[in-house]
Amino acid sequence: MIITVDVKPGQREENVEIIDENHLLAKVKAPASKGKANKALIKLLKKYFDKQVYLVSGFTSNRKIFEVEE
């Protein structure tokens, strides 16, 4: 499954909100520097889906494309 995730780094709390079927908004505490927000986002999405997730596109963007294992 391919999903689009809009990420907001540097937030006070971490959570995932559903925008629509394949689009999420994720807030992470980690700052957007040196890949810290990406690592925190991957960890958050793994916990949310309880499956392996892979960052496909958007390594330096606030809009990222992930592949979630079926």
N, C-alpha and C. Protein backbone atom coordinates (compact mmCIF):
# COMPACT_ATOMS: atom_id res chain seq x y z
N MET A 1 0.85 -1.17 0.00
CA MET A 1 0.00 0.00 0.00
C MET A 1 0.90 1.24 0.00
N ILE A 2 0.58 2.20 -0.82
CA ILE A 2 1.31 3.45 -0.90
C ILE A 2 0.49 4.54 -0.21
N ILE A 3 1.14 5.31 0.68
CA ILE A 3 0.45 6.39 1.37
C ILE A 3 1.26 7.68 1.26
N THR A 4 0.56 8.79 1.34
CA THR A 4 1.19 10.10 1.39
C THR A 4 1.09 10.60 2.82
N VAL A 5 2.20 11.12 3.34
CA VAL A 5 2.22 11.61 4.71
C VAL A 5 2.77 13.03 4.72
N ASP A 6 1.98 13.95 5.26
CA ASP A 6 2.46 15.31 5.52
C ASP A 6 3.00 15.30 6.94
N VAL A 7 4.25 15.71 7.10
CA VAL A 7 4.88 15.65 8.42
C VAL A 7 5.12 17.05 8.95
N LYS A 8 4.91 17.19 10.27
CA LYS A 8 5.20 18.44 10.96
C LYS A 8 6.22 18.13 12.05
N PRO A 9 7.48 18.44 11.83
CA PRO A 9 8.52 18.18 12.83
C PRO A 9 8.53 19.23 13.93
N GLY A 10 9.16 18.90 15.05
CA GLY A 10 9.33 19.84 16.15
C GLY A 10 8.06 20.13 16.93
N GLN A 11 7.14 19.19 16.99
CA GLN A 11 5.88 19.37 17.72
C GLN A 11 6.02 18.92 19.17
N ARG A 12 5.09 19.30 20.00
CA ARG A 12 5.13 18.92 21.42
C ARG A 12 4.75 17.47 21.66
N GLU A 13 3.87 16.93 20.80
CA GLU A 13 3.47 15.53 20.95
C GLU A 13 3.46 14.86 19.59
N GLU A 14 3.56 13.54 19.61
CA GLU A 14 3.58 12.77 18.37
C GLU A 14 2.22 12.11 18.18
N ASN A 15 1.67 12.25 16.97
CA ASN A 15 0.42 11.57 16.65
C ASN A 15 0.23 11.50 15.14
N VAL A 16 -0.74 10.69 14.75
CA VAL A 16 -1.08 10.51 13.33
C VAL A 16 -2.55 10.82 13.17
N GLU A 17 -2.88 11.67 12.20
CA GLU A 17 -4.27 12.00 11.89
C GLU A 17 -4.57 11.56 10.47
N ILE A 18 -5.77 11.04 10.26
CA ILE A 18 -6.19 10.59 8.93
C ILE A 18 -6.81 11.76 8.18
N ILE A 19 -6.29 12.07 7.00
CA ILE A 19 -6.87 13.09 6.14
C ILE A 19 -7.86 12.42 5.19
N ASP A 20 -7.42 11.37 4.52
CA ASP A 20 -8.32 10.51 3.75
C ASP A 20 -7.70 9.12 3.67
N GLU A 21 -8.23 8.27 2.83
CA GLU A 21 -7.85 6.86 2.81
C GLU A 21 -6.34 6.62 2.70
N ASN A 22 -5.66 7.34 1.83
CA ASN A 22 -4.21 7.14 1.63
C ASN A 22 -3.41 8.39 1.90
N HIS A 23 -3.90 9.25 2.80
CA HIS A 23 -3.21 10.50 3.12
C HIS A 23 -3.30 10.74 4.63
N LEU A 24 -2.14 10.91 5.26
CA LEU A 24 -2.07 11.11 6.70
C LEU A 24 -1.33 12.40 7.03
N LEU A 25 -1.59 12.92 8.23
CA LEU A 25 -0.83 14.03 8.79
C LEU A 25 -0.16 13.49 10.04
N ALA A 26 1.16 13.59 10.10
CA ALA A 26 1.90 13.07 11.25
C ALA A 26 2.68 14.19 11.91
N LYS A 27 2.64 14.22 13.24
CA LYS A 27 3.40 15.19 14.01
C LYS A 27 4.45 14.43 14.80
N VAL A 28 5.69 14.90 14.72
CA VAL A 28 6.79 14.26 15.45
C VAL A 28 7.53 15.31 16.27
N LYS A 29 8.13 14.86 17.36
CA LYS A 29 8.88 15.76 18.24
C LYS A 29 10.24 16.13 17.67
N ALA A 30 10.84 15.23 16.91
CA ALA A 30 12.19 15.42 16.41
C ALA A 30 12.28 16.61 15.46
N PRO A 31 13.42 17.30 15.47
CA PRO A 31 13.61 18.43 14.55
C PRO A 31 13.88 17.94 13.13
N ALA A 32 13.67 18.82 12.17
CA ALA A 32 13.88 18.49 10.76
C ALA A 32 15.34 18.76 10.38
N SER A 33 16.25 18.06 11.02
CA SER A 33 17.67 18.21 10.69
C SER A 33 18.37 16.87 10.80
N LYS A 34 19.27 16.63 9.89
CA LYS A 34 20.09 15.42 9.86
C LYS A 34 19.26 14.14 9.85
N GLY A 35 18.07 14.18 9.27
CA GLY A 35 17.24 12.98 9.15
C GLY A 35 16.54 12.54 10.41
N LYS A 36 16.61 13.37 11.46
CA LYS A 36 16.00 12.98 12.74
C LYS A 36 14.48 12.85 12.63
N ALA A 37 13.84 13.78 11.92
CA ALA A 37 12.38 13.73 11.77
C ALA A 37 11.98 12.50 10.95
N ASN A 38 12.76 12.17 9.92
CA ASN A 38 12.46 10.98 9.11
C ASN A 38 12.51 9.72 9.96
N LYS A 39 13.54 9.59 10.78
CA LYS A 39 13.67 8.41 11.64
C LYS A 39 12.51 8.33 12.63
N ALA A 40 12.15 9.46 13.22
CA ALA A 40 11.03 9.48 14.17
C ALA A 40 9.72 9.16 13.47
N LEU A 41 9.56 9.65 12.25
CA LEU A 41 8.34 9.39 11.48
C LEU A 41 8.22 7.91 11.12
N ILE A 42 9.30 7.31 10.70
CA ILE A 42 9.28 5.88 10.37
C ILE A 42 8.92 5.06 11.60
N LYS A 43 9.50 5.40 12.74
CA LYS A 43 9.19 4.69 13.99
C LYS A 43 7.71 4.86 14.35
N LEU A 44 7.18 6.07 14.21
CA LEU A 44 5.78 6.34 14.52
C LEU A 44 4.85 5.58 13.59
N LEU A 45 5.15 5.54 12.30
CA LEU A 45 4.30 4.84 11.34
C LEU A 45 4.36 3.33 11.53
N LYS A 46 5.54 2.79 11.88
CA LYS A 46 5.63 1.36 12.17
C LYS A 46 4.72 0.99 13.33
N LYS A 47 4.70 1.83 14.35
CA LYS A 47 3.85 1.59 15.51
C LYS A 47 2.37 1.75 15.12
N TYR A 48 2.06 2.74 14.33
CA TYR A 48 0.67 3.03 13.93
C TYR A 48 0.09 1.88 13.09
N PHE A 49 0.85 1.42 12.09
CA PHE A 49 0.36 0.36 11.20
C PHE A 49 0.67 -1.03 11.72
N ASP A 50 1.61 -1.16 12.64
CA ASP A 50 2.10 -2.45 13.14
C ASP A 50 2.62 -3.29 11.98
N LYS A 51 3.27 -2.61 11.03
CA LYS A 51 3.87 -3.25 9.85
C LYS A 51 5.14 -2.49 9.48
N GLN A 52 5.94 -3.09 8.63
CA GLN A 52 7.15 -2.45 8.13
C GLN A 52 6.77 -1.34 7.15
N VAL A 53 7.43 -0.18 7.26
CA VAL A 53 7.20 0.93 6.33
C VAL A 53 8.52 1.37 5.71
N TYR A 54 8.45 1.84 4.47
CA TYR A 54 9.64 2.27 3.73
C TYR A 54 9.40 3.66 3.16
N LEU A 55 10.33 4.57 3.38
CA LEU A 55 10.26 5.90 2.79
C LEU A 55 10.68 5.80 1.34
N VAL A 56 9.77 6.14 0.43
CA VAL A 56 10.00 6.01 -1.00
C VAL A 56 10.44 7.33 -1.62
N SER A 57 9.81 8.42 -1.20
CA SER A 57 10.07 9.72 -1.80
C SER A 57 9.84 10.82 -0.78
N GLY A 58 10.52 11.96 -0.96
CA GLY A 58 10.31 13.11 -0.09
C GLY A 58 11.26 13.16 1.08
N PHE A 59 12.49 12.72 0.89
CA PHE A 59 13.46 12.66 1.99
C PHE A 59 13.70 14.02 2.64
N THR A 60 13.62 15.10 1.88
CA THR A 60 13.87 16.44 2.43
C THR A 60 12.63 17.33 2.37
N SER A 61 11.48 16.75 2.09
CA SER A 61 10.24 17.50 1.95
C SER A 61 9.32 17.23 3.13
N ASN A 62 8.35 18.10 3.34
CA ASN A 62 7.34 17.86 4.38
C ASN A 62 6.25 16.91 3.90
N ARG A 63 6.20 16.64 2.60
CA ARG A 63 5.25 15.66 2.05
C ARG A 63 6.05 14.45 1.60
N LYS A 64 5.76 13.31 2.18
CA LYS A 64 6.54 12.10 1.93
C LYS A 64 5.63 10.99 1.42
N ILE A 65 6.22 10.10 0.65
CA ILE A 65 5.52 8.93 0.13
C ILE A 65 6.12 7.70 0.81
N PHE A 66 5.26 6.89 1.40
CA PHE A 66 5.68 5.67 2.09
C PHE A 66 5.03 4.47 1.46
N GLU A 67 5.74 3.34 1.52
CA GLU A 67 5.17 2.06 1.17
C GLU A 67 5.01 1.27 2.46
N VAL A 68 3.79 0.78 2.70
CA VAL A 68 3.49 -0.03 3.88
C VAL A 68 3.33 -1.46 3.41
N GLU A 69 4.06 -2.38 4.06
CA GLU A 69 3.94 -3.79 3.69
C GLU A 69 2.53 -4.28 3.95
N GLU A 70 2.06 -5.15 3.05
CA GLU A 70 0.70 -5.72 3.20
C GLU A 70 0.71 -6.88 4.15
